[in-house]
Amino acid sequence: MTQPPRRADTTPHDPSEPTEDLATPSDEDAESPACVLVFNANDPSGAGGLAADIAAIASVGAHALPVVTGAYARDTAEIFDHFALDEEAVAEQARAILEDVPVQVIKVGFVGSPENISEAAQVASDYSDVPLIAYMPNLSWWDENQIELYLDAFSELLLPQTTVLVGNHSTLWRWLLPDWDASRSPSARDLAKAASDHGVAYTFVTGIPLPEQFIDNVLATPETVLYSEKYERFEATFTGAGDTLSAALAALIASGSDLAEAANEALSYLDRCLDGGFRPGMGHVVPDRLFWAQASDGDTTDDDARQGPISTFTGFDLPPHDTKH
């Protein structure tokens, strides 16, 4: 596979390091890792879903509180079906752990049904001071009617409470701007504007096509681009990259990183995961979320570690999401 043009030396994040306070645990819990409540489905391939969330969150120094919303029937090549849990089972899982453990960030992945979206949204509304990171995966494997109902519920119930929406450029385009008929593809700011109309504060758009086999990844609001990073496209097909990125972003924010810094570190972490990706079966490549734990010869620190616009774009407060449904 080809190598990205620049790399950062990304190691597991130490939540005790001083960072800009966005969702920092209280002083009495400073020695404990930050906690991220995660709604997602089980993926038996280990490529995405809760397996990706747990590994990525732990790798960057936080603790996952996983709420199982259902299960995929899939292998490393394709999704055959999905079985959603009853919404009461989802709600009971979340309520039980939230009564015991304070959380710094809530992350919502694929929850499988409009009813489960409603439950996740209700839980989030009861903890409106906690930032919410929402990831929208590619749903093209699903029935069209189910997709429409799911996206409508997500737009109406969850987006109004979302602090950062994460998704691939083509996925967000089809969802948020279905009637886009301009001669150019929508920019990250165009997508951020469409998301903002539903109440989203920030939109993290990945995989924006660029010339010469490069892709751009952009954190934006309707008014401005807050952070962007260009990579050379890998010559491989991956499964689980989006869950990995959004989970790492959630964990870094939970651990106290500034939003732009978290975006930079999460992308750097994903880059290293993809660079060390492996093919456990006969299908797609799976990100190696534990690349840092693998022994290698001649480990060196990359002198070209990205500093980028981090010092410029600092201090983005994550607004508490308001209950709007």
C-alpha atoms as a PDB file:
ATOM      1  CA  MET A   1       0.000   0.000   0.000  1.00  0.00           C
ATOM      2  CA  THR A   2       1.170   3.530  -0.600  1.00  0.00           C
ATOM      3  CA  GLN A   3       2.395   5.735   2.202  1.00  0.00           C
ATOM      4  CA  PRO A   4       0.755   9.021   3.213  1.00  0.00           C
ATOM      5  CA  PRO A   5       2.899  12.083   2.437  1.00  0.00           C
ATOM      6  CA  ARG A   6       3.408  12.955   6.088  1.00  0.00           C
ATOM      7  CA  ARG A   7       3.049  11.066   9.311  1.00  0.00           C
ATOM      8  CA  ALA A   8       2.810  11.867  12.966  1.00  0.00           C
ATOM      9  CA  ASP A   9       4.216   9.658  15.683  1.00  0.00           C
ATOM     10  CA  THR A  10       0.971   8.768  17.440  1.00  0.00           C
ATOM     11  CA  THR A  11       1.256   6.892  20.725  1.00  0.00           C
ATOM     12  CA  PRO A  12      -1.428   6.031  23.266  1.00  0.00           C
ATOM     13  CA  HIS A  13      -2.734   9.271  24.738  1.00  0.00           C
ATOM     14  CA  ASP A  14      -1.929   9.958  28.376  1.00  0.00           C
ATOM     15  CA  PRO A  15      -4.988  11.630  29.937  1.00  0.00           C
ATOM     16  CA  SER A  16      -2.792  13.007  32.722  1.00  0.00           C
ATOM     17  CA  GLU A  17      -0.967  15.278  30.279  1.00  0.00           C
ATOM     18  CA  PRO A  18      -2.083  18.920  30.458  1.00  0.00           C
ATOM     19  CA  THR A  19      -4.542  19.790  27.689  1.00  0.00           C
ATOM     20  CA  GLU A  20      -7.191  22.369  26.992  1.00  0.00           C
ATOM     21  CA  ASP A  21     -10.216  21.534  29.125  1.00  0.00           C
ATOM     22  CA  LEU A  22     -13.252  20.497  27.090  1.00  0.00           C
ATOM     23  CA  ALA A  23     -14.559  17.447  28.870  1.00  0.00           C
ATOM     24  CA  THR A  24     -11.958  16.848  31.567  1.00  0.00           C
ATOM     25  CA  PRO A  25     -12.750  14.541  34.485  1.00  0.00           C
ATOM     26  CA  SER A  26     -12.954  16.100  37.932  1.00  0.00           C
ATOM     27  CA  ASP A  27      -9.787  16.502  39.994  1.00  0.00           C
ATOM     28  CA  GLU A  28     -10.699  13.613  42.268  1.00  0.00           C
ATOM     29  CA  ASP A  29     -10.847  11.319  39.220  1.00  0.00           C
ATOM     30  CA  ALA A  30      -7.775  12.778  37.522  1.00  0.00           C
ATOM     31  CA  GLU A  31      -5.801   9.530  37.863  1.00  0.00           C
ATOM     32  CA  SER A  32      -8.570   7.479  36.255  1.00  0.00           C
ATOM     33  CA  PRO A  33      -9.065   7.378  32.487  1.00  0.00           C
ATOM     34  CA  ALA A  34     -11.913   9.417  31.069  1.00  0.00           C
ATOM     35  CA  CYS A  35     -15.050   7.438  30.239  1.00  0.00           C
ATOM     36  CA  VAL A  36     -16.889   7.356  26.902  1.00  0.00           C
ATOM     37  CA  LEU A  37     -20.406   5.942  26.681  1.00  0.00           C
ATOM     38  CA  VAL A  38     -20.712   4.190  23.314  1.00  0.00           C
ATOM     39  CA  PHE A  39     -23.869   3.102  21.516  1.00  0.00           C
ATOM     40  CA  ASN A  40     -23.013   0.688  18.691  1.00  0.00           C
ATOM     41  CA  ALA A  41     -23.653  -2.761  17.264  1.00  0.00           C
ATOM     42  CA  ASN A  42     -21.514  -5.831  17.725  1.00  0.00           C
ATOM     43  CA  ASP A  43     -19.398  -6.702  14.686  1.00  0.00           C
ATOM     44  CA  PRO A  44     -18.222 -10.346  14.716  1.00  0.00           C
ATOM     45  CA  SER A  45     -15.452  -9.549  12.238  1.00  0.00           C
ATOM     46  CA  GLY A  46     -13.852  -7.192  14.740  1.00  0.00           C
ATOM     47  CA  ALA A  47     -13.450  -4.599  12.001  1.00  0.00           C
ATOM     48  CA  GLY A  48     -16.000  -2.047  13.158  1.00  0.00           C
ATOM     49  CA  GLY A  49     -18.806  -1.631  15.661  1.00  0.00           C
ATOM     50  CA  LEU A  50     -18.118  -1.997  19.368  1.00  0.00           C
ATOM     51  CA  ALA A  51     -14.899  -3.934  18.763  1.00  0.00           C
ATOM     52  CA  ALA A  52     -13.451  -0.918  16.948  1.00  0.00           C
ATOM     53  CA  ASP A  53     -14.778   1.499  19.559  1.00  0.00           C
ATOM     54  CA  ILE A  54     -13.359  -0.352  22.542  1.00  0.00           C
ATOM     55  CA  ALA A  55      -9.918  -0.910  21.012  1.00  0.00           C
ATOM     56  CA  ALA A  56      -9.568   2.661  19.712  1.00  0.00           C
ATOM     57  CA  ILE A  57     -10.826   4.296  22.904  1.00  0.00           C
ATOM     58  CA  ALA A  58      -8.482   2.207  25.051  1.00  0.00           C
ATOM     59  CA  SER A  59      -5.554   2.817  22.708  1.00  0.00           C
ATOM     60  CA  VAL A  60      -5.725   6.587  23.112  1.00  0.00           C
ATOM     61  CA  GLY A  61      -6.084   6.403  26.873  1.00  0.00           C
ATOM     62  CA  ALA A  62      -9.789   6.435  27.768  1.00  0.00           C
ATOM     63  CA  HIS A  63     -12.258   3.830  29.003  1.00  0.00           C
ATOM     64  CA  ALA A  64     -15.207   2.610  26.910  1.00  0.00           C
ATOM     65  CA  LEU A  65     -18.646   1.988  28.390  1.00  0.00           C
ATOM     66  CA  PRO A  66     -20.155  -0.062  25.534  1.00  0.00           C
ATOM     67  CA  VAL A  67     -23.918  -0.276  25.061  1.00  0.00           C
ATOM     68  CA  VAL A  68     -24.851  -3.065  22.641  1.00  0.00           C
ATOM     69  CA  THR A  69     -27.602  -1.924  20.276  1.00  0.00           C
ATOM     70  CA  GLY A  70     -27.692  -5.024  18.080  1.00  0.00           C
ATOM     71  CA  ALA A  71     -25.472  -7.328  16.065  1.00  0.00           C
ATOM     72  CA  TYR A  72     -24.302  -7.618  12.486  1.00  0.00           C
ATOM     73  CA  ALA A  73     -24.252 -10.863  10.560  1.00  0.00           C
ATOM     74  CA  ARG A  74     -21.154 -10.176   8.503  1.00  0.00           C
ATOM     75  CA  ASP A  75     -17.660 -11.213   7.511  1.00  0.00           C
ATOM     76  CA  THR A  76     -14.683  -9.076   6.557  1.00  0.00           C
ATOM     77  CA  ALA A  77     -16.057  -8.496   3.049  1.00  0.00           C
ATOM     78  CA  GLU A  78     -19.731  -7.615   3.454  1.00  0.00           C
ATOM     79  CA  ILE A  79     -22.699  -7.177   5.762  1.00  0.00           C
ATOM     80  CA  PHE A  80     -25.421  -9.785   5.306  1.00  0.00           C
ATOM     81  CA  ASP A  81     -27.906  -8.631   7.925  1.00  0.00           C
ATOM     82  CA  HIS A  82     -28.345  -6.742  11.174  1.00  0.00           C
ATOM     83  CA  PHE A  83     -30.422  -7.648  14.208  1.00  0.00           C
ATOM     84  CA  ALA A  84     -31.419  -4.718  16.412  1.00  0.00           C
ATOM     85  CA  LEU A  85     -31.968  -5.158  20.132  1.00  0.00           C
ATOM     86  CA  ASP A  86     -35.248  -4.069  21.674  1.00  0.00           C
ATOM     87  CA  GLU A  87     -35.085  -0.395  22.638  1.00  0.00           C
ATOM     88  CA  GLU A  88     -35.808  -1.177  26.292  1.00  0.00           C
ATOM     89  CA  ALA A  89     -32.725  -3.394  26.440  1.00  0.00           C
ATOM     90  CA  VAL A  90     -30.633  -0.563  24.996  1.00  0.00           C
ATOM     91  CA  ALA A  91     -32.051   1.975  27.440  1.00  0.00           C
ATOM     92  CA  GLU A  92     -31.555  -0.297  30.460  1.00  0.00           C
ATOM     93  CA  GLN A  93     -27.893  -0.856  29.601  1.00  0.00           C
ATOM     94  CA  ALA A  94     -27.195   2.852  29.318  1.00  0.00           C
ATOM     95  CA  ARG A  95     -29.213   3.922  32.355  1.00  0.00           C
ATOM     96  CA  ALA A  96     -27.629   1.307  34.588  1.00  0.00           C
ATOM     97  CA  ILE A  97     -24.044   2.361  33.902  1.00  0.00           C
ATOM     98  CA  LEU A  98     -24.836   6.076  33.914  1.00  0.00           C
ATOM     99  CA  GLU A  99     -26.239   5.760  37.420  1.00  0.00           C
ATOM    100  CA  ASP A 100     -22.827   4.499  38.509  1.00  0.00           C
ATOM    101  CA  VAL A 101     -20.129   6.070  36.297  1.00  0.00           C
ATOM    102  CA  PRO A 102     -19.773   9.710  35.198  1.00  0.00           C
ATOM    103  CA  VAL A 103     -19.058  10.060  31.481  1.00  0.00           C
ATOM    104  CA  GLN A 104     -17.145  12.787  29.673  1.00  0.00           C
ATOM    105  CA  VAL A 105     -18.369  12.073  26.115  1.00  0.00           C
ATOM    106  CA  ILE A 106     -21.164  10.093  24.477  1.00  0.00           C
ATOM    107  CA  LYS A 107     -20.459   8.452  21.107  1.00  0.00           C
ATOM    108  CA  VAL A 108     -23.256   7.113  18.898  1.00  0.00           C
ATOM    109  CA  GLY A 109     -22.490   4.752  16.028  1.00  0.00           C
ATOM    110  CA  PHE A 110     -24.959   2.484  14.203  1.00  0.00           C
ATOM    111  CA  VAL A 111     -27.835   1.629  16.538  1.00  0.00           C
ATOM    112  CA  GLY A 112     -29.974  -0.339  14.091  1.00  0.00           C
ATOM    113  CA  SER A 113     -33.472   1.130  14.371  1.00  0.00           C
ATOM    114  CA  PRO A 114     -35.383   4.405  14.760  1.00  0.00           C
ATOM    115  CA  GLU A 115     -36.540   3.180  18.181  1.00  0.00           C
ATOM    116  CA  ASN A 116     -32.957   2.779  19.359  1.00  0.00           C
ATOM    117  CA  ILE A 117     -32.110   6.210  17.984  1.00  0.00           C
ATOM    118  CA  SER A 118     -34.947   7.575  20.104  1.00  0.00           C
ATOM    119  CA  GLU A 119     -33.590   5.859  23.216  1.00  0.00           C
ATOM    120  CA  ALA A 120     -30.042   7.100  22.609  1.00  0.00           C
ATOM    121  CA  ALA A 121     -31.379  10.600  22.032  1.00  0.00           C
ATOM    122  CA  GLN A 122     -33.412  10.477  25.237  1.00  0.00           C
ATOM    123  CA  VAL A 123     -30.391   9.355  27.239  1.00  0.00           C
ATOM    124  CA  ALA A 124     -28.308  12.109  25.665  1.00  0.00           C
ATOM    125  CA  SER A 125     -30.951  14.731  26.424  1.00  0.00           C
ATOM    126  CA  ASP A 126     -30.793  13.785  30.100  1.00  0.00           C
ATOM    127  CA  TYR A 127     -27.021  14.441  30.014  1.00  0.00           C
ATOM    128  CA  SER A 128     -27.092  17.552  27.863  1.00  0.00           C
ATOM    129  CA  ASP A 129     -23.868  18.914  29.352  1.00  0.00           C
ATOM    130  CA  VAL A 130     -21.930  15.965  27.882  1.00  0.00           C
ATOM    131  CA  PRO A 131     -20.578  16.411  24.307  1.00  0.00           C
ATOM    132  CA  LEU A 132     -22.032  13.945  21.805  1.00  0.00           C
ATOM    133  CA  ILE A 133     -20.002  12.547  18.892  1.00  0.00           C
ATOM    134  CA  ALA A 134     -22.164  10.942  16.195  1.00  0.00           C
ATOM    135  CA  TYR A 135     -20.805   8.760  13.399  1.00  0.00           C
ATOM    136  CA  MET A 136     -22.854   7.957  10.299  1.00  0.00           C
ATOM    137  CA  PRO A 137     -21.575   4.871   8.447  1.00  0.00           C
ATOM    138  CA  ASN A 138     -22.334   3.833   4.885  1.00  0.00           C
ATOM    139  CA  LEU A 139     -25.765   2.153   4.950  1.00  0.00           C
ATOM    140  CA  SER A 140     -25.925   1.111   1.297  1.00  0.00           C
ATOM    141  CA  TRP A 141     -26.018  -2.580   2.312  1.00  0.00           C
ATOM    142  CA  TRP A 142     -29.417  -2.058   4.003  1.00  0.00           C
ATOM    143  CA  ASP A 143     -32.974  -2.010   2.667  1.00  0.00           C
ATOM    144  CA  GLU A 144     -33.898   1.388   1.200  1.00  0.00           C
ATOM    145  CA  ASN A 145     -37.010   1.795   3.321  1.00  0.00           C
ATOM    146  CA  GLN A 146     -35.064   1.011   6.484  1.00  0.00           C
ATOM    147  CA  ILE A 147     -32.371   3.489   5.482  1.00  0.00           C
ATOM    148  CA  GLU A 148     -34.917   6.244   4.963  1.00  0.00           C
ATOM    149  CA  LEU A 149     -36.620   5.662   8.306  1.00  0.00           C
ATOM    150  CA  TYR A 150     -33.278   5.462  10.108  1.00  0.00           C
ATOM    151  CA  LEU A 151     -31.877   8.665   8.575  1.00  0.00           C
ATOM    152  CA  ASP A 152     -35.095  10.570   9.209  1.00  0.00           C
ATOM    153  CA  ALA A 153     -35.041   9.580  12.886  1.00  0.00           C
ATOM    154  CA  PHE A 154     -31.354  10.419  13.174  1.00  0.00           C
ATOM    155  CA  SER A 155     -31.922  13.857  11.638  1.00  0.00           C
ATOM    156  CA  GLU A 156     -34.924  14.657  13.795  1.00  0.00           C
ATOM    157  CA  LEU A 157     -33.875  13.195  17.144  1.00  0.00           C
ATOM    158  CA  LEU A 158     -30.107  12.929  17.355  1.00  0.00           C
ATOM    159  CA  LEU A 159     -28.579  15.610  15.147  1.00  0.00           C
ATOM    160  CA  PRO A 160     -30.104  18.440  17.234  1.00  0.00           C
ATOM    161  CA  GLN A 161     -28.019  17.132  20.142  1.00  0.00           C
ATOM    162  CA  THR A 162     -24.837  16.342  18.208  1.00  0.00           C
ATOM    163  CA  THR A 163     -21.679  18.291  18.980  1.00  0.00           C
ATOM    164  CA  VAL A 164     -19.478  16.717  16.270  1.00  0.00           C
ATOM    165  CA  LEU A 165     -20.854  14.749  13.315  1.00  0.00           C
ATOM    166  CA  VAL A 166     -18.320  12.414  11.680  1.00  0.00           C
ATOM    167  CA  GLY A 167     -18.808  10.802   8.287  1.00  0.00           C
ATOM    168  CA  ASN A 168     -17.368  10.093   4.879  1.00  0.00           C
ATOM    169  CA  HIS A 169     -17.863  12.801   2.260  1.00  0.00           C
ATOM    170  CA  SER A 170     -20.014  10.663  -0.046  1.00  0.00           C
ATOM    171  CA  THR A 171     -22.152   9.323   2.823  1.00  0.00           C
ATOM    172  CA  LEU A 172     -22.844  12.772   4.242  1.00  0.00           C
ATOM    173  CA  TRP A 173     -23.504  14.166   0.764  1.00  0.00           C
ATOM    174  CA  ARG A 174     -26.178  11.564  -0.018  1.00  0.00           C
ATOM    175  CA  TRP A 175     -27.784  12.063   3.370  1.00  0.00           C
ATOM    176  CA  LEU A 176     -27.595  15.795   4.062  1.00  0.00           C
ATOM    177  CA  LEU A 177     -27.656  17.207   0.514  1.00  0.00           C
ATOM    178  CA  PRO A 178     -29.647  14.703  -1.577  1.00  0.00           C
ATOM    179  CA  ASP A 179     -30.830  17.391  -3.999  1.00  0.00           C
ATOM    180  CA  TRP A 180     -27.413  18.931  -4.572  1.00  0.00           C
ATOM    181  CA  ASP A 181     -27.227  19.699  -8.291  1.00  0.00           C
ATOM    182  CA  ALA A 182     -24.250  22.030  -8.518  1.00  0.00           C
ATOM    183  CA  SER A 183     -21.516  21.398 -11.049  1.00  0.00           C
ATOM    184  CA  ARG A 184     -19.073  20.768  -8.204  1.00  0.00           C
ATOM    185  CA  SER A 185     -19.269  18.378  -5.284  1.00  0.00           C
ATOM    186  CA  PRO A 186     -20.206  19.932  -1.928  1.00  0.00           C
ATOM    187  CA  SER A 187     -17.375  21.188   0.239  1.00  0.00           C
ATOM    188  CA  ALA A 188     -16.922  20.379   3.908  1.00  0.00           C
ATOM    189  CA  ARG A 189     -18.437  23.762   4.726  1.00  0.00           C
ATOM    190  CA  ASP A 190     -21.466  22.980   2.547  1.00  0.00           C
ATOM    191  CA  LEU A 191     -21.992  19.766   4.488  1.00  0.00           C
ATOM    192  CA  ALA A 192     -21.379  21.553   7.781  1.00  0.00           C
ATOM    193  CA  LYS A 193     -24.045  24.087   6.828  1.00  0.00           C
ATOM    194  CA  ALA A 194     -26.535  21.305   6.090  1.00  0.00           C
ATOM    195  CA  ALA A 195     -25.684  19.615   9.406  1.00  0.00           C
ATOM    196  CA  SER A 196     -25.891  22.949  11.237  1.00  0.00           C
ATOM    197  CA  ASP A 197     -29.453  23.374   9.978  1.00  0.00           C
ATOM    198  CA  HIS A 198     -30.261  20.345  12.154  1.00  0.00           C
ATOM    199  CA  GLY A 199     -28.351  21.727  15.147  1.00  0.00           C
ATOM    200  CA  VAL A 200     -24.871  20.218  14.693  1.00  0.00           C
ATOM    201  CA  ALA A 201     -22.040  22.434  15.947  1.00  0.00           C
ATOM    202  CA  TYR A 202     -19.094  20.843  14.079  1.00  0.00           C
ATOM    203  CA  THR A 203     -18.824  18.436  11.137  1.00  0.00           C
ATOM    204  CA  PHE A 204     -15.772  16.230  10.530  1.00  0.00           C
ATOM    205  CA  VAL A 205     -15.809  15.197   6.860  1.00  0.00           C
ATOM    206  CA  THR A 206     -13.437  12.436   5.759  1.00  0.00           C
ATOM    207  CA  GLY A 207     -12.390  11.044   2.398  1.00  0.00           C
ATOM    208  CA  ILE A 208     -12.939  14.176   0.296  1.00  0.00           C
ATOM    209  CA  PRO A 209     -11.527  13.304  -3.166  1.00  0.00           C
ATOM    210  CA  LEU A 210      -8.574  15.374  -4.353  1.00  0.00           C
ATOM    211  CA  PRO A 211      -6.489  15.128  -7.532  1.00  0.00           C
ATOM    212  CA  GLU A 212      -3.614  12.682  -7.833  1.00  0.00           C
ATOM    213  CA  GLN A 213      -5.026  10.018  -5.499  1.00  0.00           C
ATOM    214  CA  PHE A 214      -5.118  12.244  -2.433  1.00  0.00           C
ATOM    215  CA  ILE A 215      -7.998  12.677  -0.017  1.00  0.00           C
ATOM    216  CA  ASP A 216      -8.755  15.493   2.393  1.00  0.00           C
ATOM    217  CA  ASN A 217     -10.199  15.309   5.892  1.00  0.00           C
ATOM    218  CA  VAL A 218     -11.790  18.504   7.165  1.00  0.00           C
ATOM    219  CA  LEU A 219     -13.233  19.702  10.465  1.00  0.00           C
ATOM    220  CA  ALA A 220     -15.594  22.544   9.623  1.00  0.00           C
ATOM    221  CA  THR A 221     -18.426  24.812  10.633  1.00  0.00           C
ATOM    222  CA  PRO A 222     -20.656  26.632   8.151  1.00  0.00           C
ATOM    223  CA  GLU A 223     -18.451  29.686   8.534  1.00  0.00           C
ATOM    224  CA  THR A 224     -14.929  28.279   8.374  1.00  0.00           C
ATOM    225  CA  VAL A 225     -12.586  25.322   8.097  1.00  0.00           C
ATOM    226  CA  LEU A 226     -11.112  24.688  11.538  1.00  0.00           C
ATOM    227  CA  TYR A 227      -8.681  21.923  10.617  1.00  0.00           C
ATOM    228  CA  SER A 228      -7.761  19.897   7.545  1.00  0.00           C
ATOM    229  CA  GLU A 229      -5.227  17.235   6.684  1.00  0.00           C
ATOM    230  CA  LYS A 230      -4.421  15.659   3.327  1.00  0.00           C
ATOM    231  CA  TYR A 231      -3.388  12.034   2.886  1.00  0.00           C
ATOM    232  CA  GLU A 232      -2.432   9.869  -0.045  1.00  0.00           C
ATOM    233  CA  ARG A 233      -5.058   7.221  -0.716  1.00  0.00           C
ATOM    234  CA  PHE A 234      -4.113   3.706   0.413  1.00  0.00           C
ATOM    235  CA  GLU A 235      -4.139   0.977  -2.214  1.00  0.00           C
ATOM    236  CA  ALA A 236      -6.438  -1.189  -0.120  1.00  0.00           C
ATOM    237  CA  THR A 237     -10.078  -1.425   0.926  1.00  0.00           C
ATOM    238  CA  PHE A 238     -10.588  -1.047   4.661  1.00  0.00           C
ATOM    239  CA  THR A 239     -13.474  -1.887   6.950  1.00  0.00           C
ATOM    240  CA  GLY A 240     -13.874  -0.081  10.269  1.00  0.00           C
ATOM    241  CA  ALA A 241     -11.970   3.132   9.566  1.00  0.00           C
ATOM    242  CA  GLY A 242     -14.897   5.426  10.398  1.00  0.00           C
ATOM    243  CA  ASP A 243     -15.675   3.794  13.733  1.00  0.00           C
ATOM    244  CA  THR A 244     -11.984   3.898  14.596  1.00  0.00           C
ATOM    245  CA  LEU A 245     -11.637   7.608  13.821  1.00  0.00           C
ATOM    246  CA  SER A 246     -14.822   8.697  15.587  1.00  0.00           C
ATOM    247  CA  ALA A 247     -14.064   6.585  18.665  1.00  0.00           C
ATOM    248  CA  ALA A 248     -10.533   7.986  18.905  1.00  0.00           C
ATOM    249  CA  LEU A 249     -11.883  11.514  18.522  1.00  0.00           C
ATOM    250  CA  ALA A 250     -14.430  10.931  21.287  1.00  0.00           C
ATOM    251  CA  ALA A 251     -11.794   9.491  23.621  1.00  0.00           C
ATOM    252  CA  LEU A 252      -9.332  12.322  23.026  1.00  0.00           C
ATOM    253  CA  ILE A 253     -12.005  14.938  23.695  1.00  0.00           C
ATOM    254  CA  ALA A 254     -13.075  13.041  26.802  1.00  0.00           C
ATOM    255  CA  SER A 255      -9.475  13.067  27.998  1.00  0.00           C
ATOM    256  CA  GLY A 256      -9.335  16.858  27.737  1.00  0.00           C
ATOM    257  CA  SER A 257      -7.873  17.565  24.303  1.00  0.00           C
ATOM    258  CA  ASP A 258      -8.858  20.684  22.429  1.00  0.00           C
ATOM    259  CA  LEU A 259     -11.139  19.894  19.488  1.00  0.00           C
ATOM    260  CA  ALA A 260      -8.619  20.718  16.757  1.00  0.00           C
ATOM    261  CA  GLU A 261      -5.871  18.853  18.608  1.00  0.00           C
ATOM    262  CA  ALA A 262      -8.188  15.866  19.024  1.00  0.00           C
ATOM    263  CA  ALA A 263      -8.966  15.896  15.289  1.00  0.00           C
ATOM    264  CA  ASN A 264      -5.259  15.949  14.471  1.00  0.00           C
ATOM    265  CA  GLU A 265      -4.390  13.159  16.894  1.00  0.00           C
ATOM    266  CA  ALA A 266      -7.346  11.019  15.853  1.00  0.00           C
ATOM    267  CA  LEU A 267      -6.385  11.274  12.170  1.00  0.00           C
ATOM    268  CA  SER A 268      -2.759  10.499  12.971  1.00  0.00           C
ATOM    269  CA  TYR A 269      -3.852   7.500  14.999  1.00  0.00           C
ATOM    270  CA  LEU A 270      -6.116   6.264  12.190  1.00  0.00           C
ATOM    271  CA  ASP A 271      -3.311   6.748   9.675  1.00  0.00           C
ATOM    272  CA  ARG A 272      -1.031   4.492  11.684  1.00  0.00           C
ATOM    273  CA  CYS A 273      -3.851   1.957  12.158  1.00  0.00           C
ATOM    274  CA  LEU A 274      -4.403   1.783   8.406  1.00  0.00           C
ATOM    275  CA  ASP A 275      -0.692   1.659   7.656  1.00  0.00           C
ATOM    276  CA  GLY A 276      -0.421  -1.405   9.889  1.00  0.00           C
ATOM    277  CA  GLY A 277      -3.709  -2.893   8.684  1.00  0.00           C
ATOM    278  CA  PHE A 278      -4.046  -6.636   8.240  1.00  0.00           C
ATOM    279  CA  ARG A 279      -6.378  -9.031   6.431  1.00  0.00           C
ATOM    280  CA  PRO A 280      -7.668 -11.638   8.941  1.00  0.00           C
ATOM    281  CA  GLY A 281      -9.943 -13.309   6.416  1.00  0.00           C
ATOM    282  CA  MET A 282     -10.617 -13.306   2.691  1.00  0.00           C
ATOM    283  CA  GLY A 283     -12.240  -9.864   2.623  1.00  0.00           C
ATOM    284  CA  HIS A 284     -11.142  -6.339   3.429  1.00  0.00           C
ATOM    285  CA  VAL A 285      -8.239  -5.033   5.454  1.00  0.00           C
ATOM    286  CA  VAL A 286      -8.877  -4.320   9.147  1.00  0.00           C
ATOM    287  CA  PRO A 287      -7.145  -1.386  10.878  1.00  0.00           C
ATOM    288  CA  ASP A 288      -4.516  -2.435  13.414  1.00  0.00           C
ATOM    289  CA  ARG A 289      -5.717  -0.365  16.362  1.00  0.00           C
ATOM    290  CA  LEU A 290      -2.966  -1.818  18.554  1.00  0.00           C
ATOM    291  CA  PHE A 291      -0.096  -0.997  16.173  1.00  0.00           C
ATOM    292  CA  TRP A 292       1.748   0.713  19.014  1.00  0.00           C
ATOM    293  CA  ALA A 293       1.902  -2.545  20.983  1.00  0.00           C
ATOM    294  CA  GLN A 294       3.680  -4.433  18.189  1.00  0.00           C
ATOM    295  CA  ALA A 295       7.438  -4.820  18.497  1.00  0.00           C
ATOM    296  CA  SER A 296       9.342  -3.441  15.533  1.00  0.00           C
ATOM    297  CA  ASP A 297      12.978  -2.924  14.639  1.00  0.00           C
ATOM    298  CA  GLY A 298      14.432   0.542  14.604  1.00  0.00           C
ATOM    299  CA  ASP A 299      11.466   2.414  16.042  1.00  0.00           C
ATOM    300  CA  THR A 300      12.150   6.112  15.686  1.00  0.00           C
ATOM    301  CA  THR A 301      10.237   9.288  16.301  1.00  0.00           C
ATOM    302  CA  ASP A 302       9.042  10.949  13.114  1.00  0.00           C
ATOM    303  CA  ASP A 303      10.752  14.322  12.863  1.00  0.00           C
ATOM    304  CA  ASP A 304       7.988  15.430  10.533  1.00  0.00           C
ATOM    305  CA  ALA A 305       5.261  15.013  13.145  1.00  0.00           C
ATOM    306  CA  ARG A 306       2.351  17.192  12.182  1.00  0.00           C
ATOM    307  CA  GLN A 307       2.033  20.403  14.081  1.00  0.00           C
ATOM    308  CA  GLY A 308      -0.141  22.020  11.427  1.00  0.00           C
ATOM    309  CA  PRO A 309      -2.771  24.516  12.465  1.00  0.00           C
ATOM    310  CA  ILE A 310      -3.169  23.143  15.988  1.00  0.00           C
ATOM    311  CA  SER A 311      -1.644  26.192  17.629  1.00  0.00           C
ATOM    312  CA  THR A 312      -3.819  28.427  15.479  1.00  0.00           C
ATOM    313  CA  PHE A 313      -7.162  26.730  16.001  1.00  0.00           C
ATOM    314  CA  THR A 314      -7.306  26.220  19.743  1.00  0.00           C
ATOM    315  CA  GLY A 315      -9.969  26.812  22.313  1.00  0.00           C
ATOM    316  CA  PHE A 316     -13.002  25.479  20.454  1.00  0.00           C
ATOM    317  CA  ASP A 317     -15.527  24.969  23.215  1.00  0.00           C
ATOM    318  CA  LEU A 318     -17.846  22.037  22.679  1.00  0.00           C
ATOM    319  CA  PRO A 319     -21.308  23.419  23.362  1.00  0.00           C
ATOM    320  CA  PRO A 320     -23.589  21.246  25.456  1.00  0.00           C
ATOM    321  CA  HIS A 321     -26.263  19.811  23.212  1.00  0.00           C
ATOM    322  CA  ASP A 322     -29.751  21.101  23.840  1.00  0.00           C
ATOM    323  CA  THR A 323     -32.817  18.909  23.874  1.00  0.00           C
ATOM    324  CA  LYS A 324     -34.711  19.879  20.736  1.00  0.00           C
ATOM    325  CA  HIS A 325     -37.091  17.005  20.249  1.00  0.00           C
END
